[in-house]
């Protein structure tokens, strides 16, 4: 079954599905957002550019198409985007 997720007053939208585990594919509108995690996540940038600040990190890091980053369970991360960005998130 496909689930529809919407965050930050519609600025972040994703479709959730299960195929060898739970995943979501979505789009982020320009802006800055903070996400919390309940499980381990692997975020893959599909298109665009995403600046990311992981919990406990001091410096932002930029990820572009086909690059990914990992986020621990029960953590958080900040995302900053200047233009629309699409992503794939895989949950463990």
PDB file of N, CA and C in Angstrom:
ATOM      1  N   UNK A   1       0.837  -1.179   0.000  1.00  0.00           N
ATOM      2  CA  UNK A   1       0.000   0.000   0.000  1.00  0.00           C
ATOM      3  C   UNK A   1       0.885   1.247   0.000  1.00  0.00           C
ATOM      4  N   UNK A   2       0.489   2.246  -0.735  1.00  0.00           N
ATOM      5  CA  UNK A   2       1.214   3.517  -0.793  1.00  0.00           C
ATOM      6  C   UNK A   2       0.603   4.474   0.222  1.00  0.00           C
ATOM      7  N   UNK A   3       1.455   5.086   1.051  1.00  0.00           N
ATOM      8  CA  UNK A   3       0.983   6.091   2.009  1.00  0.00           C
ATOM      9  C   UNK A   3       1.443   7.471   1.569  1.00  0.00           C
ATOM     10  N   UNK A   4       0.662   8.481   1.910  1.00  0.00           N
ATOM     11  CA  UNK A   4       0.986   9.868   1.569  1.00  0.00           C
ATOM     12  C   UNK A   4       1.376  10.590   2.846  1.00  0.00           C
ATOM     13  N   UNK A   5       2.547  11.239   2.838  1.00  0.00           N
ATOM     14  CA  UNK A   5       3.047  11.970   4.001  1.00  0.00           C
ATOM     15  C   UNK A   5       3.228  13.434   3.624  1.00  0.00           C
ATOM     16  N   UNK A   6       2.864  14.313   4.543  1.00  0.00           N
ATOM     17  CA  UNK A   6       3.009  15.750   4.304  1.00  0.00           C
ATOM     18  C   UNK A   6       3.488  16.410   5.593  1.00  0.00           C
ATOM     19  N   UNK A   7       4.534  17.240   5.476  1.00  0.00           N
ATOM     20  CA  UNK A   7       5.139  17.899   6.629  1.00  0.00           C
ATOM     21  C   UNK A   7       5.324  19.386   6.353  1.00  0.00           C
ATOM     22  N   UNK A   8       5.484  20.159   7.408  1.00  0.00           N
ATOM     23  CA  UNK A   8       5.790  21.586   7.315  1.00  0.00           C
ATOM     24  C   UNK A   8       4.813  22.309   6.381  1.00  0.00           C
ATOM     25  N   UNK A   9       3.512  22.151   6.685  1.00  0.00           N
ATOM     26  CA  UNK A   9       2.446  22.811   5.924  1.00  0.00           C
ATOM     27  C   UNK A   9       2.531  22.536   4.426  1.00  0.00           C
ATOM     28  N   UNK A  10       2.905  21.318   4.071  1.00  0.00           N
ATOM     29  CA  UNK A  10       2.944  20.909   2.667  1.00  0.00           C
ATOM     30  C   UNK A  10       4.242  21.194   1.949  1.00  0.00           C
ATOM     31  N   UNK A  11       5.241  21.750   2.647  1.00  0.00           N
ATOM     32  CA  UNK A  11       6.523  22.072   1.996  1.00  0.00           C
ATOM     33  C   UNK A  11       7.373  20.826   1.750  1.00  0.00           C
ATOM     34  N   UNK A  12       7.069  19.736   2.458  1.00  0.00           N
ATOM     35  CA  UNK A  12       7.754  18.456   2.253  1.00  0.00           C
ATOM     36  C   UNK A  12       6.660  17.400   2.090  1.00  0.00           C
ATOM     37  N   UNK A  13       6.702  16.696   0.956  1.00  0.00           N
ATOM     38  CA  UNK A  13       5.711  15.650   0.688  1.00  0.00           C
ATOM     39  C   UNK A  13       6.421  14.395   0.219  1.00  0.00           C
ATOM     40  N   UNK A  14       5.893  13.254   0.652  1.00  0.00           N
ATOM     41  CA  UNK A  14       6.494  11.995   0.217  1.00  0.00           C
ATOM     42  C   UNK A  14       5.436  10.915   0.080  1.00  0.00           C
ATOM     43  N   UNK A  15       5.804   9.890  -0.674  1.00  0.00           N
ATOM     44  CA  UNK A  15       4.994   8.689  -0.819  1.00  0.00           C
ATOM     45  C   UNK A  15       5.762   7.551  -0.168  1.00  0.00           C
ATOM     46  N   UNK A  16       5.111   6.828   0.714  1.00  0.00           N
ATOM     47  CA  UNK A  16       5.744   5.710   1.390  1.00  0.00           C
ATOM     48  C   UNK A  16       5.325   4.393   0.759  1.00  0.00           C
ATOM     49  N   UNK A  17       6.260   3.442   0.745  1.00  0.00           N
ATOM     50  CA  UNK A  17       5.990   2.128   0.177  1.00  0.00           C
ATOM     51  C   UNK A  17       6.923   1.101   0.799  1.00  0.00           C
ATOM     52  N   UNK A  18       6.618  -0.180   0.573  1.00  0.00           N
ATOM     53  CA  UNK A  18       7.478  -1.248   1.088  1.00  0.00           C
ATOM     54  C   UNK A  18       7.926  -2.128  -0.062  1.00  0.00           C
ATOM     55  N   UNK A  19       9.249  -2.221  -0.220  1.00  0.00           N
ATOM     56  CA  UNK A  19       9.877  -3.064  -1.233  1.00  0.00           C
ATOM     57  C   UNK A  19      11.251  -3.414  -0.678  1.00  0.00           C
ATOM     58  N   UNK A  20      11.386  -4.595  -0.096  1.00  0.00           N
ATOM     59  CA  UNK A  20      12.615  -4.964   0.609  1.00  0.00           C
ATOM     60  C   UNK A  20      12.874  -4.007   1.765  1.00  0.00           C
ATOM     61  N   UNK A  21      11.851  -3.654   2.493  1.00  0.00           N
ATOM     62  CA  UNK A  21      11.933  -2.701   3.592  1.00  0.00           C
ATOM     63  C   UNK A  21      11.121  -1.465   3.311  1.00  0.00           C
ATOM     64  N   UNK A  22      10.965  -0.634   4.302  1.00  0.00           N
ATOM     65  CA  UNK A  22      10.175   0.586   4.166  1.00  0.00           C
ATOM     66  C   UNK A  22      11.006   1.699   3.535  1.00  0.00           C
ATOM     67  N   UNK A  23      10.400   2.436   2.602  1.00  0.00           N
ATOM     68  CA  UNK A  23      11.057   3.566   1.935  1.00  0.00           C
ATOM     69  C   UNK A  23      10.035   4.670   1.681  1.00  0.00           C
ATOM     70  N   UNK A  24      10.552   5.878   1.473  1.00  0.00           N
ATOM     71  CA  UNK A  24       9.729   6.981   1.000  1.00  0.00           C
ATOM     72  C   UNK A  24      10.484   7.699  -0.108  1.00  0.00           C
ATOM     73  N   UNK A  25       9.733   8.253  -1.035  1.00  0.00           N
ATOM     74  CA  UNK A  25      10.315   9.091  -2.074  1.00  0.00           C
ATOM     75  C   UNK A  25       9.552  10.408  -2.024  1.00  0.00           C
ATOM     76  N   UNK A  26      10.292  11.533  -2.023  1.00  0.00           N
ATOM     77  CA  UNK A  26       9.603  12.797  -1.823  1.00  0.00           C
ATOM     78  C   UNK A  26      10.307  13.986  -2.425  1.00  0.00           C
ATOM     79  N   UNK A  27       9.672  15.150  -2.187  1.00  0.00           N
ATOM     80  CA  UNK A  27      10.169  16.429  -2.687  1.00  0.00           C
ATOM     81  C   UNK A  27      10.154  17.435  -1.536  1.00  0.00           C
ATOM     82  N   UNK A  28      11.210  18.241  -1.464  1.00  0.00           N
ATOM     83  CA  UNK A  28      11.329  19.290  -0.453  1.00  0.00           C
ATOM     84  C   UNK A  28      11.350  20.638  -1.159  1.00  0.00           C
ATOM     85  N   UNK A  29      10.475  21.541  -0.728  1.00  0.00           N
ATOM     86  CA  UNK A  29      10.457  22.911  -1.247  1.00  0.00           C
ATOM     87  C   UNK A  29      11.605  23.714  -0.634  1.00  0.00           C
ATOM     88  N   UNK A  30      12.024  24.796  -1.263  1.00  0.00           N
ATOM     89  CA  UNK A  30      13.089  25.625  -0.693  1.00  0.00           C
ATOM     90  C   UNK A  30      12.772  26.042   0.751  1.00  0.00           C
ATOM     91  N   UNK A  31      13.788  25.991   1.613  1.00  0.00           N
ATOM     92  CA  UNK A  31      13.620  26.381   3.007  1.00  0.00           C
ATOM     93  C   UNK A  31      14.559  25.596   3.895  1.00  0.00           C
ATOM     94  N   UNK A  32      14.362  25.742   5.216  1.00  0.00           N
ATOM     95  CA  UNK A  32      15.159  25.018   6.205  1.00  0.00           C
ATOM     96  C   UNK A  32      14.212  24.253   7.107  1.00  0.00           C
ATOM     97  N   UNK A  33      14.538  22.982   7.346  1.00  0.00           N
ATOM     98  CA  UNK A  33      13.661  22.092   8.095  1.00  0.00           C
ATOM     99  C   UNK A  33      14.485  21.231   9.049  1.00  0.00           C
ATOM    100  N   UNK A  34      13.840  20.798  10.151  1.00  0.00           N
ATOM    101  CA  UNK A  34      14.493  19.858  11.057  1.00  0.00           C
ATOM    102  C   UNK A  34      13.610  18.624  11.184  1.00  0.00           C
ATOM    103  N   UNK A  35      14.223  17.461  10.968  1.00  0.00           N
ATOM    104  CA  UNK A  35      13.519  16.187  11.015  1.00  0.00           C
ATOM    105  C   UNK A  35      14.016  15.365  12.190  1.00  0.00           C
ATOM    106  N   UNK A  36      13.112  14.630  12.803  1.00  0.00           N
ATOM    107  CA  UNK A  36      13.474  13.677  13.838  1.00  0.00           C
ATOM    108  C   UNK A  36      13.367  12.271  13.278  1.00  0.00           C
ATOM    109  N   UNK A  37      14.131  11.338  13.835  1.00  0.00           N
ATOM    110  CA  UNK A  37      14.106   9.953  13.366  1.00  0.00           C
ATOM    111  C   UNK A  37      13.713   9.017  14.500  1.00  0.00           C
ATOM    112  N   UNK A  38      13.013   7.955  14.144  1.00  0.00           N
ATOM    113  CA  UNK A  38      12.717   6.911  15.122  1.00  0.00           C
ATOM    114  C   UNK A  38      13.456   5.624  14.765  1.00  0.00           C
ATOM    115  N   UNK A  39      13.868   5.513  13.499  1.00  0.00           N
ATOM    116  CA  UNK A  39      14.665   4.374  13.037  1.00  0.00           C
ATOM    117  C   UNK A  39      15.863   4.909  12.262  1.00  0.00           C
ATOM    118  N   UNK A  40      16.811   4.026  11.984  1.00  0.00           N
ATOM    119  CA  UNK A  40      17.967   4.401  11.173  1.00  0.00           C
ATOM    120  C   UNK A  40      17.470   4.759   9.770  1.00  0.00           C
ATOM    121  N   UNK A  41      18.011   5.826   9.179  1.00  0.00           N
ATOM    122  CA  UNK A  41      17.601   6.260   7.852  1.00  0.00           C
ATOM    123  C   UNK A  41      18.816   6.456   6.949  1.00  0.00           C
ATOM    124  N   UNK A  42      18.645   6.093   5.692  1.00  0.00           N
ATOM    125  CA  UNK A  42      19.610   6.413   4.653  1.00  0.00           C
ATOM    126  C   UNK A  42      18.894   7.339   3.682  1.00  0.00           C
ATOM    127  N   UNK A  43      19.381   8.556   3.560  1.00  0.00           N
ATOM    128  CA  UNK A  43      18.791   9.545   2.659  1.00  0.00           C
ATOM    129  C   UNK A  43      19.649   9.636   1.405  1.00  0.00           C
ATOM    130  N   UNK A  44      19.009   9.484   0.253  1.00  0.00           N
ATOM    131  CA  UNK A  44      19.687   9.567  -1.037  1.00  0.00           C
ATOM    132  C   UNK A  44      19.090  10.735  -1.809  1.00  0.00           C
ATOM    133  N   UNK A  45      19.922  11.674  -2.214  1.00  0.00           N
ATOM    134  CA  UNK A  45      19.451  12.803  -3.020  1.00  0.00           C
ATOM    135  C   UNK A  45      19.283  12.298  -4.456  1.00  0.00           C
ATOM    136  N   UNK A  46      18.092  12.462  -4.999  1.00  0.00           N
ATOM    137  CA  UNK A  46      17.819  12.025  -6.365  1.00  0.00           C
ATOM    138  C   UNK A  46      18.070  13.140  -7.371  1.00  0.00           C
ATOM    139  N   UNK A  47      17.660  14.347  -7.000  1.00  0.00           N
ATOM    140  CA  UNK A  47      17.834  15.490  -7.889  1.00  0.00           C
ATOM    141  C   UNK A  47      17.936  16.757  -7.038  1.00  0.00           C
ATOM    142  N   UNK A  48      18.840  17.644  -7.399  1.00  0.00           N
ATOM    143  CA  UNK A  48      19.005  18.891  -6.665  1.00  0.00           C
ATOM    144  C   UNK A  48      20.185  18.837  -5.715  1.00  0.00           C
ATOM    145  N   UNK A  49      20.179  19.749  -4.761  1.00  0.00           N
ATOM    146  CA  UNK A  49      21.272  19.902  -3.805  1.00  0.00           C
ATOM    147  C   UNK A  49      20.694  20.156  -2.430  1.00  0.00           C
ATOM    148  N   UNK A  50      21.222  19.442  -1.435  1.00  0.00           N
ATOM    149  CA  UNK A  50      20.702  19.508  -0.071  1.00  0.00           C
ATOM    150  C   UNK A  50      21.849  19.769   0.898  1.00  0.00           C
ATOM    151  N   UNK A  51      21.741  20.816   1.700  1.00  0.00           N
ATOM    152  CA  UNK A  51      22.702  21.075   2.772  1.00  0.00           C
ATOM    153  C   UNK A  51      22.156  20.413   4.028  1.00  0.00           C
ATOM    154  N   UNK A  52      23.017  19.670   4.728  1.00  0.00           N
ATOM    155  CA  UNK A  52      22.577  18.861   5.863  1.00  0.00           C
ATOM    156  C   UNK A  52      23.464  19.120   7.070  1.00  0.00           C
ATOM    157  N   UNK A  53      22.828  19.245   8.231  1.00  0.00           N
ATOM    158  CA  UNK A  53      23.532  19.335   9.501  1.00  0.00           C
ATOM    159  C   UNK A  53      23.025  18.197  10.376  1.00  0.00           C
ATOM    160  N   UNK A  54      23.872  17.196  10.582  1.00  0.00           N
ATOM    161  CA  UNK A  54      23.504  16.055  11.417  1.00  0.00           C
ATOM    162  C   UNK A  54      23.616  16.421  12.892  1.00  0.00           C
ATOM    163  N   UNK A  55      22.823  15.753  13.723  1.00  0.00           N
ATOM    164  CA  UNK A  55      22.864  15.999  15.165  1.00  0.00           C
ATOM    165  C   UNK A  55      24.293  15.796  15.672  1.00  0.00           C
ATOM    166  N   UNK A  56      24.788  16.739  16.450  1.00  0.00           N
ATOM    167  CA  UNK A  56      26.129  16.649  17.013  1.00  0.00           C
ATOM    168  C   UNK A  56      27.233  17.167  16.108  1.00  0.00           C
ATOM    169  N   UNK A  57      26.912  17.417  14.837  1.00  0.00           N
ATOM    170  CA  UNK A  57      27.919  17.937  13.902  1.00  0.00           C
ATOM    171  C   UNK A  57      28.012  19.456  14.029  1.00  0.00           C
ATOM    172  N   UNK A  58      29.166  19.990  13.732  1.00  0.00           N
ATOM    173  CA  UNK A  58      29.362  21.437  13.792  1.00  0.00           C
ATOM    174  C   UNK A  58      29.220  22.092  12.432  1.00  0.00           C
ATOM    175  N   UNK A  59      29.489  21.327  11.366  1.00  0.00           N
ATOM    176  CA  UNK A  59      29.487  21.897  10.025  1.00  0.00           C
ATOM    177  C   UNK A  59      28.406  21.287   9.144  1.00  0.00           C
ATOM    178  N   UNK A  60      27.805  22.127   8.301  1.00  0.00           N
ATOM    179  CA  UNK A  60      26.857  21.678   7.291  1.00  0.00           C
ATOM    180  C   UNK A  60      27.641  20.991   6.181  1.00  0.00           C
ATOM    181  N   UNK A  61      27.027  19.986   5.558  1.00  0.00           N
ATOM    182  CA  UNK A  61      27.634  19.302   4.424  1.00  0.00           C
ATOM    183  C   UNK A  61      26.631  19.292   3.270  1.00  0.00           C
ATOM    184  N   UNK A  62      27.125  19.499   2.057  1.00  0.00           N
ATOM    185  CA  UNK A  62      26.267  19.534   0.877  1.00  0.00           C
ATOM    186  C   UNK A  62      26.267  18.185   0.175  1.00  0.00           C
ATOM    187  N   UNK A  63      25.067  17.715  -0.152  1.00  0.00           N
ATOM    188  CA  UNK A  63      24.884  16.472  -0.895  1.00  0.00           C
ATOM    189  C   UNK A  63      24.165  16.786  -2.199  1.00  0.00           C
ATOM    190  N   UNK A  64      24.632  16.186  -3.286  1.00  0.00           N
ATOM    191  CA  UNK A  64      24.019  16.394  -4.601  1.00  0.00           C
ATOM    192  C   UNK A  64      23.481  15.046  -5.100  1.00  0.00           C
ATOM    193  N   UNK A  65      22.885  15.070  -6.304  1.00  0.00           N
ATOM    194  CA  UNK A  65      22.268  13.873  -6.877  1.00  0.00           C
ATOM    195  C   UNK A  65      23.188  12.662  -6.795  1.00  0.00           C
ATOM    196  N   UNK A  66      22.623  11.552  -6.366  1.00  0.00           N
ATOM    197  CA  UNK A  66      23.291  10.253  -6.221  1.00  0.00           C
ATOM    198  C   UNK A  66      24.203  10.155  -5.007  1.00  0.00           C
ATOM    199  N   UNK A  67      24.215  11.165  -4.155  1.00  0.00           N
ATOM    200  CA  UNK A  67      24.965  11.080  -2.901  1.00  0.00           C
ATOM    201  C   UNK A  67      23.987  10.784  -1.764  1.00  0.00           C
ATOM    202  N   UNK A  68      24.495  10.187  -0.691  1.00  0.00           N
ATOM    203  CA  UNK A  68      23.635   9.809   0.427  1.00  0.00           C
ATOM    204  C   UNK A  68      24.306  10.097   1.765  1.00  0.00           C
ATOM    205  N   UNK A  69      23.481  10.092   2.810  1.00  0.00           N
ATOM    206  CA  UNK A  69      23.987  10.217   4.170  1.00  0.00           C
ATOM    207  C   UNK A  69      23.134   9.358   5.091  1.00  0.00           C
ATOM    208  N   UNK A  70      23.701   9.009   6.229  1.00  0.00           N
ATOM    209  CA  UNK A  70      23.045   8.130   7.200  1.00  0.00           C
ATOM    210  C   UNK A  70      22.671   8.937   8.440  1.00  0.00           C
ATOM    211  N   UNK A  71      21.515   8.592   9.011  1.00  0.00           N
ATOM    212  CA  UNK A  71      21.057   9.235  10.240  1.00  0.00           C
ATOM    213  C   UNK A  71      20.694   8.132  11.231  1.00  0.00           C
ATOM    214  N   UNK A  72      21.225   8.215  12.432  1.00  0.00           N
ATOM    215  CA  UNK A  72      20.939   7.218  13.461  1.00  0.00           C
ATOM    216  C   UNK A  72      19.488   7.281  13.916  1.00  0.00           C
ATOM    217  N   UNK A  73      19.010   6.179  14.467  1.00  0.00           N
ATOM    218  CA  UNK A  73      17.682   6.139  15.081  1.00  0.00           C
ATOM    219  C   UNK A  73      17.640   7.088  16.273  1.00  0.00           C
ATOM    220  N   UNK A  74      16.479   7.629  16.551  1.00  0.00           N
ATOM    221  CA  UNK A  74      16.262   8.518  17.697  1.00  0.00           C
ATOM    222  C   UNK A  74      17.219   9.703  17.682  1.00  0.00           C
ATOM    223  N   UNK A  75      17.369  10.288  16.523  1.00  0.00           N
ATOM    224  CA  UNK A  75      18.249  11.431  16.333  1.00  0.00           C
ATOM    225  C   UNK A  75      17.486  12.516  15.572  1.00  0.00           C
ATOM    226  N   UNK A  76      18.213  13.487  15.060  1.00  0.00           N
ATOM    227  CA  UNK A  76      17.597  14.530  14.249  1.00  0.00           C
ATOM    228  C   UNK A  76      18.629  15.064  13.265  1.00  0.00           C
ATOM    229  N   UNK A  77      18.136  15.774  12.260  1.00  0.00           N
ATOM    230  CA  UNK A  77      19.016  16.421  11.300  1.00  0.00           C
ATOM    231  C   UNK A  77      18.290  17.607  10.690  1.00  0.00           C
ATOM    232  N   UNK A  78      19.082  18.603  10.295  1.00  0.00           N
ATOM    233  CA  UNK A  78      18.532  19.784   9.648  1.00  0.00           C
ATOM    234  C   UNK A  78      18.857  19.735   8.158  1.00  0.00           C
ATOM    235  N   UNK A  79      17.920  20.226   7.361  1.00  0.00           N
ATOM    236  CA  UNK A  79      18.073  20.258   5.913  1.00  0.00           C
ATOM    237  C   UNK A  79      17.795  21.676   5.447  1.00  0.00           C
ATOM    238  N   UNK A  80      18.631  22.149   4.531  1.00  0.00           N
ATOM    239  CA  UNK A  80      18.463  23.474   3.943  1.00  0.00           C
ATOM    240  C   UNK A  80      18.556  23.304   2.426  1.00  0.00           C
ATOM    241  N   UNK A  81      17.521  23.759   1.698  1.00  0.00           N
ATOM    242  CA  UNK A  81      17.539  23.655   0.241  1.00  0.00           C
ATOM    243  C   UNK A  81      17.166  24.998  -0.382  1.00  0.00           C
ATOM    244  N   UNK A  82      17.810  25.321  -1.503  1.00  0.00           N
ATOM    245  CA  UNK A  82      17.554  26.585  -2.198  1.00  0.00           C
ATOM    246  C   UNK A  82      16.544  26.411  -3.332  1.00  0.00           C
ATOM    247  N   UNK A  83      16.483  25.208  -3.898  1.00  0.00           N
ATOM    248  CA  UNK A  83      15.508  24.883  -4.943  1.00  0.00           C
ATOM    249  C   UNK A  83      14.900  23.531  -4.599  1.00  0.00           C
ATOM    250  N   UNK A  84      13.841  23.148  -5.273  1.00  0.00           N
ATOM    251  CA  UNK A  84      13.223  21.861  -4.995  1.00  0.00           C
ATOM    252  C   UNK A  84      14.242  20.726  -5.098  1.00  0.00           C
ATOM    253  N   UNK A  85      14.143  19.786  -4.171  1.00  0.00           N
ATOM    254  CA  UNK A  85      15.038  18.634  -4.121  1.00  0.00           C
ATOM    255  C   UNK A  85      14.175  17.380  -3.996  1.00  0.00           C
ATOM    256  N   UNK A  86      14.516  16.348  -4.755  1.00  0.00           N
ATOM    257  CA  UNK A  86      13.841  15.059  -4.594  1.00  0.00           C
ATOM    258  C   UNK A  86      14.802  14.092  -3.890  1.00  0.00           C
ATOM    259  N   UNK A  87      14.206  13.167  -3.123  1.00  0.00           N
ATOM    260  CA  UNK A  87      15.017  12.252  -2.322  1.00  0.00           C
ATOM    261  C   UNK A  87      14.349  10.896  -2.208  1.00  0.00           C
ATOM    262  N   UNK A  88      15.148   9.921  -1.845  1.00  0.00           N
ATOM    263  CA  UNK A  88      14.690   8.584  -1.476  1.00  0.00           C
ATOM    264  C   UNK A  88      15.206   8.325  -0.081  1.00  0.00           C
ATOM    265  N   UNK A  89      14.326   7.931   0.815  1.00  0.00           N
ATOM    266  CA  UNK A  89      14.721   7.622   2.185  1.00  0.00           C
ATOM    267  C   UNK A  89      14.431   6.159   2.450  1.00  0.00           C
ATOM    268  N   UNK A  90      15.452   5.415   2.895  1.00  0.00           N
ATOM    269  CA  UNK A  90      15.298   4.003   3.238  1.00  0.00           C
ATOM    270  C   UNK A  90      15.414   3.863   4.754  1.00  0.00           C
ATOM    271  N   UNK A  91      14.466   3.146   5.347  1.00  0.00           N
ATOM    272  CA  UNK A  91      14.415   2.958   6.792  1.00  0.00           C
ATOM    273  C   UNK A  91      14.864   1.553   7.169  1.00  0.00           C
ATOM    274  N   UNK A  92      15.603   1.439   8.288  1.00  0.00           N
ATOM    275  CA  UNK A  92      16.031   0.116   8.782  1.00  0.00           C
ATOM    276  C   UNK A  92      15.366  -0.181  10.107  1.00  0.00           C
TER     277      UNK A  92
END
